[in-house]
Amino acid sequence: MHLQLNRSKLVYRYIDNRCRCDFVYFLVIRFSDGCVVFLRIEMTSKGIENVNPQRFTKKTKREITSEEEDESVEDPIDEREIFDLLRDINDPEHPMSLEELNVVQITNIEVDDKNNSVKVFYTPTIPHCSMATLIGLSIKVCLLRSLPPRFKIEVNISPGSHASEAAVNKQLADKERVSAALENSNLLEVVNQCLVKSLE
C-alpha cells in the first residue's frame, strides 16, 4: 500500500498483533503556512476504525466567585478545577475536546490539596487507541504548566480501558522519559496544538 500526501512525512509504521488493527501509520503533515498536523491512520480489513466517535454533552462552565478571584483568600485546588483545566484539551485525532469524547471525567480525578497530590485517570475512546500515550502526555503537560510545583501529578489510563494500559502508564510515570519526549521539538509542537484551547 502506498500513501501519497503532499508535504507529509511517514514517521512511524508498525504491525500490532495484539490489537485489531493490521497497520498503524503515523503522519506529520507540514503546510506552507507553518501549520503541522499529526495523524494516525489505522488500516484493517474493514477500513479505518473509530471514524465517528460518540460525542458527549459538555458541562456548563463553572462561574468564578469573587472569593476565588481574591488572592488573599486561601482557595484549595479541587477536582472541578482540575477538570476545567483538562476539559478543552484537543483530541489529537478528532476535532473535539477530551471532554466531548468523555476521555476525561470529573469522577476520574482525585485531588488531595493538603498532601499536594493530583491523580487523573483518562479513558481512550477505543481499547487499542494508539494515541493514548500522546493524550496522557498532553494531560500531564497541561497540569505541569498550570499547577504550582508543589503538586505531585499522576496520570494513568482508567483500569481496563486500554490494551496497553500498563506500558502507557509506565511511560507517563517515567520523569526522564517524559522530559526527553518534551525535548523533541516535533512532539512538543503536537502537544502544544492539543493544548491551544486549554491554556488560553
N, C-alpha and C. Protein backbone atom coordinates (compact mmCIF):
# COMPACT_ATOMS: atom_id res chain seq x y z
N MET A 1 0.85 -1.19 0.00
CA MET A 1 0.00 0.00 0.00
C MET A 1 0.88 1.24 0.00
N HIS A 2 0.52 2.23 -0.80
CA HIS A 2 1.28 3.48 -0.88
C HIS A 2 0.37 4.63 -0.47
N LEU A 3 0.87 5.45 0.44
CA LEU A 3 0.13 6.65 0.85
C LEU A 3 0.81 7.85 0.22
N GLN A 4 0.06 8.69 -0.45
CA GLN A 4 0.62 9.88 -1.08
C GLN A 4 -0.09 11.10 -0.54
N LEU A 5 0.64 11.91 0.20
CA LEU A 5 0.11 13.15 0.75
C LEU A 5 1.13 14.26 0.52
N ASN A 6 0.70 15.40 0.04
CA ASN A 6 1.62 16.50 -0.20
C ASN A 6 2.18 17.01 1.12
N ARG A 7 3.48 17.31 1.12
CA ARG A 7 4.15 17.89 2.27
C ARG A 7 3.94 17.04 3.52
N SER A 8 4.03 15.74 3.38
CA SER A 8 3.85 14.87 4.53
C SER A 8 5.07 13.98 4.71
N LYS A 9 5.15 13.43 5.91
CA LYS A 9 6.27 12.55 6.22
C LYS A 9 5.75 11.37 7.03
N LEU A 10 6.05 10.17 6.56
CA LEU A 10 5.68 8.98 7.31
C LEU A 10 6.71 8.80 8.42
N VAL A 11 6.29 8.98 9.67
CA VAL A 11 7.26 8.96 10.75
C VAL A 11 7.25 7.66 11.54
N TYR A 12 6.18 6.87 11.41
CA TYR A 12 6.17 5.62 12.17
C TYR A 12 5.15 4.66 11.57
N ARG A 13 5.51 3.40 11.51
CA ARG A 13 4.61 2.38 10.99
C ARG A 13 4.91 1.09 11.72
N TYR A 14 3.86 0.41 12.16
CA TYR A 14 4.12 -0.86 12.80
C TYR A 14 2.94 -1.80 12.62
N ILE A 15 3.19 -3.08 12.85
CA ILE A 15 2.13 -4.09 12.83
C ILE A 15 1.88 -4.50 14.27
N ASP A 16 0.65 -4.34 14.74
CA ASP A 16 0.32 -4.66 16.12
C ASP A 16 -0.53 -5.93 16.14
N ASN A 17 0.08 -7.01 16.56
CA ASN A 17 -0.62 -8.29 16.56
C ASN A 17 -1.59 -8.42 17.73
N ARG A 18 -1.43 -7.55 18.76
CA ARG A 18 -2.29 -7.65 19.92
C ARG A 18 -3.61 -6.94 19.70
N CYS A 19 -3.68 -6.03 18.74
CA CYS A 19 -4.87 -5.24 18.51
C CYS A 19 -5.55 -5.64 17.22
N ARG A 20 -6.70 -5.05 17.01
CA ARG A 20 -7.48 -5.39 15.82
C ARG A 20 -6.96 -4.72 14.56
N CYS A 21 -6.10 -3.74 14.71
CA CYS A 21 -5.61 -3.04 13.53
C CYS A 21 -4.44 -3.81 12.91
N ASP A 22 -4.38 -3.84 11.59
CA ASP A 22 -3.32 -4.55 10.87
C ASP A 22 -2.08 -3.67 10.71
N PHE A 23 -2.31 -2.40 10.39
CA PHE A 23 -1.20 -1.46 10.25
C PHE A 23 -1.59 -0.13 10.88
N VAL A 24 -0.64 0.52 11.49
CA VAL A 24 -0.87 1.85 12.04
C VAL A 24 0.16 2.79 11.44
N TYR A 25 -0.28 3.85 10.80
CA TYR A 25 0.61 4.84 10.21
C TYR A 25 0.53 6.13 11.01
N PHE A 26 1.69 6.68 11.33
CA PHE A 26 1.74 8.00 11.94
C PHE A 26 2.28 8.97 10.89
N LEU A 27 1.56 10.05 10.67
CA LEU A 27 1.95 11.02 9.66
C LEU A 27 2.07 12.41 10.26
N VAL A 28 3.12 13.09 9.89
CA VAL A 28 3.23 14.50 10.22
C VAL A 28 3.11 15.28 8.92
N ILE A 29 2.09 16.12 8.81
CA ILE A 29 1.85 16.91 7.60
C ILE A 29 2.22 18.36 7.89
N ARG A 30 3.16 18.87 7.13
CA ARG A 30 3.61 20.25 7.30
C ARG A 30 3.11 21.08 6.11
N PHE A 31 2.39 22.15 6.41
CA PHE A 31 1.87 23.02 5.38
C PHE A 31 2.76 24.25 5.21
N SER A 32 2.60 24.93 4.08
CA SER A 32 3.46 26.07 3.77
C SER A 32 3.32 27.21 4.77
N ASP A 33 2.16 27.30 5.45
CA ASP A 33 1.97 28.38 6.42
C ASP A 33 2.55 28.04 7.79
N GLY A 34 3.22 26.90 7.88
CA GLY A 34 3.85 26.50 9.13
C GLY A 34 3.01 25.58 9.98
N CYS A 35 1.75 25.36 9.61
CA CYS A 35 0.86 24.50 10.37
C CYS A 35 1.34 23.05 10.29
N VAL A 36 1.27 22.36 11.43
CA VAL A 36 1.67 20.96 11.48
C VAL A 36 0.48 20.14 11.98
N VAL A 37 0.15 19.09 11.27
CA VAL A 37 -0.96 18.22 11.65
C VAL A 37 -0.41 16.81 11.88
N PHE A 38 -0.77 16.23 13.01
CA PHE A 38 -0.31 14.89 13.38
C PHE A 38 -1.49 13.93 13.19
N LEU A 39 -1.30 12.91 12.37
CA LEU A 39 -2.39 12.00 12.05
C LEU A 39 -2.03 10.56 12.38
N ARG A 40 -3.02 9.83 12.82
CA ARG A 40 -2.87 8.38 12.99
C ARG A 40 -3.88 7.72 12.06
N ILE A 41 -3.43 6.77 11.28
CA ILE A 41 -4.34 6.05 10.39
C ILE A 41 -4.21 4.57 10.70
N GLU A 42 -5.32 3.97 11.12
CA GLU A 42 -5.33 2.54 11.39
C GLU A 42 -5.99 1.84 10.20
N MET A 43 -5.27 0.89 9.63
CA MET A 43 -5.79 0.17 8.48
C MET A 43 -6.13 -1.26 8.88
N THR A 44 -7.34 -1.69 8.57
CA THR A 44 -7.76 -3.06 8.83
C THR A 44 -8.47 -3.57 7.58
N SER A 45 -8.85 -4.79 7.64
CA SER A 45 -9.59 -5.36 6.52
C SER A 45 -10.94 -4.68 6.36
N LYS A 46 -11.42 -4.00 7.43
CA LYS A 46 -12.70 -3.33 7.38
C LYS A 46 -12.57 -1.82 7.18
N GLY A 47 -11.33 -1.35 7.02
CA GLY A 47 -11.12 0.08 6.83
C GLY A 47 -10.67 0.77 8.10
N ILE A 48 -10.73 2.11 8.10
CA ILE A 48 -10.28 2.90 9.25
C ILE A 48 -11.27 2.76 10.40
N GLU A 49 -10.76 2.52 11.61
CA GLU A 49 -11.62 2.33 12.77
C GLU A 49 -11.93 3.64 13.47
N ASN A 50 -13.04 3.65 14.19
CA ASN A 50 -13.43 4.76 15.04
C ASN A 50 -13.48 6.08 14.28
N VAL A 51 -14.03 6.04 13.09
CA VAL A 51 -14.12 7.25 12.26
C VAL A 51 -15.08 8.26 12.88
N ASN A 52 -16.16 7.79 13.47
CA ASN A 52 -17.16 8.68 14.07
C ASN A 52 -17.36 8.34 15.55
N PRO A 53 -16.49 8.83 16.40
CA PRO A 53 -16.63 8.54 17.83
C PRO A 53 -17.84 9.25 18.41
N GLN A 54 -18.36 8.70 19.49
CA GLN A 54 -19.52 9.30 20.13
C GLN A 54 -19.16 10.65 20.75
N ARG A 55 -20.01 11.64 20.55
CA ARG A 55 -19.79 12.97 21.13
C ARG A 55 -20.71 13.13 22.34
N PHE A 56 -20.13 13.49 23.47
CA PHE A 56 -20.88 13.66 24.71
C PHE A 56 -21.16 15.15 24.95
N THR A 57 -22.20 15.42 25.71
CA THR A 57 -22.58 16.79 26.02
C THR A 57 -21.58 17.42 26.99
N LYS A 58 -21.19 18.64 26.72
CA LYS A 58 -20.25 19.34 27.58
C LYS A 58 -20.98 19.91 28.80
N LYS A 59 -20.28 19.93 29.92
CA LYS A 59 -20.84 20.54 31.12
C LYS A 59 -20.80 22.06 30.99
N THR A 60 -21.64 22.72 31.73
CA THR A 60 -21.62 24.19 31.73
C THR A 60 -20.36 24.67 32.42
N LYS A 61 -19.88 25.82 32.01
CA LYS A 61 -18.69 26.40 32.62
C LYS A 61 -18.99 26.81 34.07
N ARG A 62 -18.04 26.60 34.94
CA ARG A 62 -18.21 26.98 36.33
C ARG A 62 -18.04 28.48 36.49
N GLU A 63 -18.93 29.10 37.23
CA GLU A 63 -18.81 30.53 37.49
C GLU A 63 -17.74 30.77 38.55
N ILE A 64 -16.87 31.71 38.28
CA ILE A 64 -15.80 32.04 39.21
C ILE A 64 -16.32 33.06 40.21
N THR A 65 -16.21 32.74 41.49
CA THR A 65 -16.71 33.62 42.54
C THR A 65 -15.68 34.69 42.88
N SER A 66 -16.15 35.72 43.59
CA SER A 66 -15.25 36.80 44.00
C SER A 66 -14.20 36.29 44.97
N GLU A 67 -14.58 35.29 45.79
CA GLU A 67 -13.61 34.72 46.73
C GLU A 67 -12.48 34.01 45.99
N GLU A 68 -12.82 33.37 44.88
CA GLU A 68 -11.80 32.67 44.10
C GLU A 68 -10.86 33.65 43.42
N GLU A 69 -11.36 34.83 43.08
CA GLU A 69 -10.52 35.84 42.43
C GLU A 69 -9.67 36.59 43.43
N ASP A 70 -10.04 36.54 44.71
CA ASP A 70 -9.30 37.25 45.75
C ASP A 70 -8.08 36.41 46.15
N GLU A 71 -6.90 36.88 45.82
CA GLU A 71 -5.68 36.11 46.08
C GLU A 71 -5.33 36.06 47.55
N SER A 72 -5.96 36.89 48.36
CA SER A 72 -5.69 36.87 49.80
C SER A 72 -6.48 35.77 50.51
N VAL A 73 -7.46 35.19 49.81
CA VAL A 73 -8.28 34.12 50.38
C VAL A 73 -7.74 32.78 49.93
N GLU A 74 -7.51 31.88 50.89
CA GLU A 74 -6.99 30.56 50.56
C GLU A 74 -8.05 29.78 49.77
N ASP A 75 -7.66 29.28 48.63
CA ASP A 75 -8.59 28.58 47.75
C ASP A 75 -7.98 27.23 47.35
N PRO A 76 -8.28 26.18 48.11
CA PRO A 76 -7.72 24.86 47.82
C PRO A 76 -8.13 24.38 46.42
N ILE A 77 -7.21 23.73 45.73
CA ILE A 77 -7.50 23.18 44.41
C ILE A 77 -8.35 21.92 44.58
N ASP A 78 -9.41 21.83 43.78
CA ASP A 78 -10.30 20.68 43.88
C ASP A 78 -10.43 19.98 42.53
N GLU A 79 -11.26 18.93 42.51
CA GLU A 79 -11.43 18.12 41.31
C GLU A 79 -12.02 18.92 40.16
N ARG A 80 -12.96 19.81 40.48
CA ARG A 80 -13.59 20.59 39.40
C ARG A 80 -12.58 21.53 38.75
N GLU A 81 -11.69 22.08 39.54
CA GLU A 81 -10.68 22.98 38.97
C GLU A 81 -9.74 22.22 38.03
N ILE A 82 -9.37 21.00 38.41
CA ILE A 82 -8.52 20.19 37.54
C ILE A 82 -9.27 19.82 36.27
N PHE A 83 -10.55 19.46 36.41
CA PHE A 83 -11.35 19.12 35.25
C PHE A 83 -11.45 20.30 34.29
N ASP A 84 -11.63 21.50 34.83
CA ASP A 84 -11.72 22.70 33.99
C ASP A 84 -10.43 22.96 33.23
N LEU A 85 -9.29 22.55 33.80
CA LEU A 85 -8.01 22.70 33.11
C LEU A 85 -7.90 21.74 31.93
N LEU A 86 -8.49 20.56 32.09
CA LEU A 86 -8.30 19.49 31.10
C LEU A 86 -9.40 19.38 30.06
N ARG A 87 -10.55 19.91 30.35
CA ARG A 87 -11.74 19.64 29.52
C ARG A 87 -11.59 20.10 28.07
N ASP A 88 -10.85 21.18 27.84
CA ASP A 88 -10.74 21.75 26.49
C ASP A 88 -9.50 21.29 25.73
N ILE A 89 -8.76 20.34 26.26
CA ILE A 89 -7.62 19.79 25.51
C ILE A 89 -8.15 19.16 24.23
N ASN A 90 -7.52 19.47 23.13
CA ASN A 90 -7.94 18.93 21.83
C ASN A 90 -7.51 17.47 21.69
N ASP A 91 -8.42 16.66 21.17
CA ASP A 91 -8.04 15.30 20.83
C ASP A 91 -7.09 15.35 19.64
N PRO A 92 -6.00 14.57 19.63
CA PRO A 92 -5.03 14.65 18.53
C PRO A 92 -5.54 14.08 17.21
N GLU A 93 -6.66 13.36 17.25
CA GLU A 93 -7.16 12.73 16.03
C GLU A 93 -8.45 13.38 15.53
N HIS A 94 -9.35 13.72 16.44
CA HIS A 94 -10.65 14.24 16.05
C HIS A 94 -10.80 15.72 16.45
N PRO A 95 -11.60 16.48 15.73
CA PRO A 95 -11.79 17.90 16.05
C PRO A 95 -12.75 18.10 17.21
N MET A 96 -12.45 17.44 18.32
CA MET A 96 -13.27 17.51 19.52
C MET A 96 -12.36 17.58 20.74
N SER A 97 -12.94 18.02 21.85
CA SER A 97 -12.17 18.10 23.09
C SER A 97 -12.21 16.76 23.82
N LEU A 98 -11.33 16.62 24.81
CA LEU A 98 -11.32 15.39 25.60
C LEU A 98 -12.60 15.25 26.41
N GLU A 99 -13.21 16.37 26.77
CA GLU A 99 -14.49 16.29 27.47
C GLU A 99 -15.58 15.77 26.54
N GLU A 100 -15.62 16.27 25.32
CA GLU A 100 -16.66 15.84 24.37
C GLU A 100 -16.54 14.36 24.03
N LEU A 101 -15.34 13.82 24.11
CA LEU A 101 -15.13 12.40 23.84
C LEU A 101 -15.21 11.55 25.10
N ASN A 102 -15.45 12.21 26.24
CA ASN A 102 -15.56 11.52 27.53
C ASN A 102 -14.24 10.86 27.93
N VAL A 103 -13.15 11.37 27.40
CA VAL A 103 -11.83 10.85 27.76
C VAL A 103 -11.46 11.28 29.17
N VAL A 104 -11.81 12.51 29.53
CA VAL A 104 -11.61 12.99 30.90
C VAL A 104 -12.98 13.24 31.53
N GLN A 105 -13.10 12.80 32.78
CA GLN A 105 -14.34 12.97 33.53
C GLN A 105 -14.00 13.40 34.94
N ILE A 106 -14.84 14.24 35.52
CA ILE A 106 -14.55 14.76 36.85
C ILE A 106 -14.54 13.64 37.89
N THR A 107 -15.30 12.58 37.64
CA THR A 107 -15.34 11.46 38.58
C THR A 107 -14.06 10.64 38.58
N ASN A 108 -13.20 10.84 37.57
CA ASN A 108 -11.94 10.10 37.48
C ASN A 108 -10.74 10.96 37.87
N ILE A 109 -11.01 12.00 38.67
CA ILE A 109 -9.95 12.89 39.13
C ILE A 109 -9.92 12.86 40.65
N GLU A 110 -8.73 12.72 41.21
CA GLU A 110 -8.56 12.72 42.67
C GLU A 110 -7.57 13.81 43.05
N VAL A 111 -7.98 14.68 43.99
CA VAL A 111 -7.13 15.78 44.43
C VAL A 111 -7.02 15.77 45.95
N ASP A 112 -5.80 15.84 46.43
CA ASP A 112 -5.54 16.00 47.86
C ASP A 112 -4.66 17.24 48.02
N ASP A 113 -5.32 18.38 48.18
CA ASP A 113 -4.58 19.65 48.22
C ASP A 113 -3.61 19.71 49.39
N LYS A 114 -4.01 19.18 50.53
CA LYS A 114 -3.16 19.24 51.72
C LYS A 114 -1.88 18.45 51.54
N ASN A 115 -1.99 17.32 50.83
CA ASN A 115 -0.81 16.46 50.61
C ASN A 115 -0.21 16.65 49.22
N ASN A 116 -0.65 17.72 48.53
CA ASN A 116 -0.05 18.10 47.24
C ASN A 116 -0.10 16.99 46.19
N SER A 117 -1.26 16.37 46.07
CA SER A 117 -1.37 15.24 45.16
C SER A 117 -2.54 15.43 44.19
N VAL A 118 -2.28 15.16 42.91
CA VAL A 118 -3.33 15.18 41.88
C VAL A 118 -3.19 13.91 41.05
N LYS A 119 -4.29 13.16 40.96
CA LYS A 119 -4.31 11.94 40.15
C LYS A 119 -5.42 12.05 39.11
N VAL A 120 -5.08 11.76 37.87
CA VAL A 120 -6.06 11.81 36.78
C VAL A 120 -6.06 10.47 36.06
N PHE A 121 -7.24 9.91 35.91
CA PHE A 121 -7.42 8.69 35.11
C PHE A 121 -8.22 9.07 33.87
N TYR A 122 -7.69 8.73 32.71
CA TYR A 122 -8.37 9.08 31.46
C TYR A 122 -8.71 7.82 30.68
N THR A 123 -9.76 7.91 29.85
CA THR A 123 -10.29 6.74 29.16
C THR A 123 -10.23 6.93 27.65
N PRO A 124 -9.32 6.26 26.95
CA PRO A 124 -9.28 6.34 25.48
C PRO A 124 -10.60 5.88 24.87
N THR A 125 -10.91 6.38 23.69
CA THR A 125 -12.20 6.06 23.08
C THR A 125 -12.31 4.62 22.60
N ILE A 126 -11.17 3.99 22.32
CA ILE A 126 -11.16 2.59 21.91
C ILE A 126 -10.02 1.87 22.64
N PRO A 127 -10.16 0.58 22.90
CA PRO A 127 -9.16 -0.16 23.70
C PRO A 127 -7.77 -0.23 23.09
N HIS A 128 -7.65 -0.01 21.77
CA HIS A 128 -6.34 -0.11 21.13
C HIS A 128 -5.90 1.24 20.56
N CYS A 129 -6.41 2.31 21.13
CA CYS A 129 -6.07 3.66 20.65
C CYS A 129 -4.57 3.90 20.73
N SER A 130 -3.95 4.13 19.59
CA SER A 130 -2.50 4.33 19.56
C SER A 130 -2.12 5.76 19.93
N MET A 131 -3.12 6.61 20.17
CA MET A 131 -2.85 7.97 20.62
C MET A 131 -2.88 8.08 22.15
N ALA A 132 -3.05 6.97 22.83
CA ALA A 132 -3.23 7.00 24.28
C ALA A 132 -2.07 7.68 25.01
N THR A 133 -0.84 7.38 24.58
CA THR A 133 0.32 7.98 25.24
C THR A 133 0.38 9.48 24.98
N LEU A 134 0.09 9.90 23.76
CA LEU A 134 0.10 11.32 23.42
C LEU A 134 -0.97 12.07 24.21
N ILE A 135 -2.14 11.48 24.36
CA ILE A 135 -3.19 12.12 25.14
C ILE A 135 -2.76 12.25 26.60
N GLY A 136 -2.20 11.19 27.15
CA GLY A 136 -1.72 11.24 28.53
C GLY A 136 -0.63 12.26 28.72
N LEU A 137 0.27 12.35 27.75
CA LEU A 137 1.34 13.34 27.80
C LEU A 137 0.78 14.76 27.76
N SER A 138 -0.22 14.99 26.94
CA SER A 138 -0.85 16.31 26.86
C SER A 138 -1.50 16.69 28.18
N ILE A 139 -2.16 15.72 28.81
CA ILE A 139 -2.79 15.97 30.12
C ILE A 139 -1.73 16.33 31.15
N LYS A 140 -0.64 15.57 31.15
CA LYS A 140 0.41 15.80 32.14
C LYS A 140 1.08 17.15 31.93
N VAL A 141 1.36 17.50 30.69
CA VAL A 141 1.99 18.79 30.40
C VAL A 141 1.07 19.94 30.79
N CYS A 142 -0.22 19.80 30.52
CA CYS A 142 -1.18 20.83 30.89
C CYS A 142 -1.15 21.08 32.40
N LEU A 143 -1.12 20.01 33.18
CA LEU A 143 -1.10 20.15 34.64
C LEU A 143 0.23 20.69 35.13
N LEU A 144 1.33 20.25 34.54
CA LEU A 144 2.65 20.76 34.93
C LEU A 144 2.77 22.26 34.68
N ARG A 145 2.15 22.73 33.61
CA ARG A 145 2.21 24.15 33.28
C ARG A 145 1.23 24.99 34.09
N SER A 146 0.19 24.36 34.63
CA SER A 146 -0.88 25.11 35.26
C SER A 146 -0.83 25.10 36.79
N LEU A 147 -0.33 24.03 37.37
CA LEU A 147 -0.38 23.87 38.83
C LEU A 147 0.92 24.33 39.48
N PRO A 148 0.84 24.72 40.76
CA PRO A 148 2.07 25.05 41.50
C PRO A 148 3.00 23.85 41.54
N PRO A 149 4.29 24.07 41.59
CA PRO A 149 5.26 22.96 41.54
C PRO A 149 5.21 22.03 42.75
N ARG A 150 4.48 22.41 43.79
CA ARG A 150 4.40 21.57 44.99
C ARG A 150 3.61 20.27 44.73
N PHE A 151 2.83 20.25 43.67
CA PHE A 151 1.97 19.10 43.42
C PHE A 151 2.71 17.95 42.75
N LYS A 152 2.40 16.74 43.24
CA LYS A 152 2.84 15.52 42.56
C LYS A 152 1.70 15.11 41.63
N ILE A 153 2.01 14.98 40.36
CA ILE A 153 0.98 14.72 39.35
C ILE A 153 1.12 13.29 38.83
N GLU A 154 0.02 12.56 38.89
CA GLU A 154 -0.03 11.21 38.34
C GLU A 154 -1.11 11.15 37.27
N VAL A 155 -0.75 10.65 36.10
CA VAL A 155 -1.70 10.50 35.00
C VAL A 155 -1.67 9.04 34.56
N ASN A 156 -2.83 8.41 34.62
CA ASN A 156 -2.93 6.99 34.26
C ASN A 156 -4.16 6.73 33.41
N ILE A 157 -4.10 5.65 32.65
CA ILE A 157 -5.27 5.19 31.91
C ILE A 157 -6.24 4.53 32.89
N SER A 158 -7.52 4.77 32.69
CA SER A 158 -8.53 4.13 33.54
C SER A 158 -8.38 2.61 33.45
N PRO A 159 -8.36 1.93 34.59
CA PRO A 159 -8.14 0.48 34.59
C PRO A 159 -9.09 -0.27 33.66
N GLY A 160 -8.50 -1.12 32.83
CA GLY A 160 -9.28 -1.98 31.94
C GLY A 160 -9.77 -1.33 30.66
N SER A 161 -9.34 -0.07 30.39
CA SER A 161 -9.88 0.62 29.21
C SER A 161 -8.95 0.62 28.00
N HIS A 162 -7.75 0.03 28.14
CA HIS A 162 -6.82 0.04 27.02
C HIS A 162 -5.98 -1.23 27.00
N ALA A 163 -5.67 -1.72 25.80
CA ALA A 163 -4.92 -2.97 25.64
C ALA A 163 -3.50 -2.86 26.18
N SER A 164 -2.90 -1.66 26.12
CA SER A 164 -1.51 -1.49 26.56
C SER A 164 -1.45 -0.59 27.80
N GLU A 165 -2.43 -0.74 28.66
CA GLU A 165 -2.57 0.11 29.85
C GLU A 165 -1.29 0.19 30.69
N ALA A 166 -0.70 -0.95 31.03
CA ALA A 166 0.48 -0.99 31.89
C ALA A 166 1.67 -0.28 31.24
N ALA A 167 1.87 -0.53 29.94
CA ALA A 167 3.01 0.08 29.23
C ALA A 167 2.85 1.59 29.14
N VAL A 168 1.65 2.07 28.84
CA VAL A 168 1.42 3.51 28.73
C VAL A 168 1.59 4.19 30.08
N ASN A 169 1.03 3.58 31.13
CA ASN A 169 1.17 4.14 32.48
C ASN A 169 2.62 4.22 32.90
N LYS A 170 3.40 3.21 32.54
CA LYS A 170 4.83 3.20 32.89
C LYS A 170 5.56 4.35 32.20
N GLN A 171 5.23 4.60 30.93
CA GLN A 171 5.86 5.70 30.21
C GLN A 171 5.52 7.05 30.83
N LEU A 172 4.26 7.24 31.19
CA LEU A 172 3.82 8.52 31.74
C LEU A 172 4.37 8.77 33.14
N ALA A 173 4.70 7.69 33.86
CA ALA A 173 5.24 7.83 35.21
C ALA A 173 6.75 8.04 35.22
N ASP A 174 7.39 7.81 34.09
CA ASP A 174 8.85 7.94 33.98
C ASP A 174 9.21 9.40 33.69
N LYS A 175 9.70 10.10 34.70
CA LYS A 175 10.02 11.53 34.55
C LYS A 175 11.07 11.77 33.46
N GLU A 176 12.08 10.93 33.43
CA GLU A 176 13.14 11.11 32.43
C GLU A 176 12.60 10.91 31.02
N ARG A 177 11.73 9.93 30.85
CA ARG A 177 11.17 9.67 29.53
C ARG A 177 10.25 10.81 29.09
N VAL A 178 9.48 11.34 30.04
CA VAL A 178 8.60 12.47 29.72
C VAL A 178 9.43 13.70 29.35
N SER A 179 10.49 13.95 30.12
CA SER A 179 11.36 15.10 29.83
C SER A 179 12.03 14.96 28.47
N ALA A 180 12.48 13.75 28.17
CA ALA A 180 13.12 13.51 26.88
C ALA A 180 12.13 13.70 25.73
N ALA A 181 10.90 13.26 25.94
CA ALA A 181 9.88 13.41 24.91
C ALA A 181 9.61 14.88 24.63
N LEU A 182 9.60 15.69 25.68
CA LEU A 182 9.30 17.11 25.51
C LEU A 182 10.46 17.90 24.94
N GLU A 183 11.64 17.27 24.86
CA GLU A 183 12.77 17.90 24.21
C GLU A 183 12.74 17.69 22.70
N ASN A 184 11.85 16.81 22.26
CA ASN A 184 11.66 16.58 20.82
C ASN A 184 10.75 17.69 20.29
N SER A 185 11.29 18.56 19.47
CA SER A 185 10.55 19.73 19.01
C SER A 185 9.28 19.37 18.25
N ASN A 186 9.33 18.30 17.45
CA ASN A 186 8.16 17.90 16.68
C ASN A 186 7.04 17.41 17.60
N LEU A 187 7.40 16.59 18.59
CA LEU A 187 6.41 16.07 19.52
C LEU A 187 5.85 17.20 20.39
N LEU A 188 6.71 18.11 20.82
CA LEU A 188 6.27 19.23 21.63
C LEU A 188 5.29 20.11 20.87
N GLU A 189 5.53 20.25 19.58
CA GLU A 189 4.64 21.05 18.75
C GLU A 189 3.25 20.41 18.68
N VAL A 190 3.22 19.09 18.60
CA VAL A 190 1.94 18.38 18.57
C VAL A 190 1.22 18.54 19.90
N VAL A 191 1.95 18.40 21.00
CA VAL A 191 1.36 18.58 22.33
C VAL A 191 0.80 19.99 22.48
N ASN A 192 1.55 20.97 22.03
CA ASN A 192 1.09 22.37 22.14
C ASN A 192 -0.19 22.61 21.34
N GLN A 193 -0.32 21.93 20.19
CA GLN A 193 -1.55 22.04 19.42
C GLN A 193 -2.73 21.48 20.19
N CYS A 194 -2.50 20.42 20.93
CA CYS A 194 -3.57 19.83 21.75
C CYS A 194 -3.98 20.78 22.88
N LEU A 195 -3.04 21.61 23.32
CA LEU A 195 -3.28 22.46 24.50
C LEU A 195 -3.67 23.88 24.16
N VAL A 196 -3.87 24.18 22.88
CA VAL A 196 -4.15 25.55 22.46
C VAL A 196 -5.31 26.16 23.22
N LYS A 197 -6.42 25.45 23.32
CA LYS A 197 -7.62 26.00 23.97
C LYS A 197 -7.55 25.89 25.49
N SER A 198 -6.97 24.81 26.00
CA SER A 198 -6.98 24.59 27.44
C SER A 198 -6.14 25.59 28.22
N LEU A 199 -5.10 26.15 27.58
CA LEU A 199 -4.21 27.07 28.28
C LEU A 199 -4.42 28.53 27.87
N GLU A 200 -5.54 28.81 27.21
CA GLU A 200 -5.82 30.19 26.80
C GLU A 200 -6.10 31.06 28.02
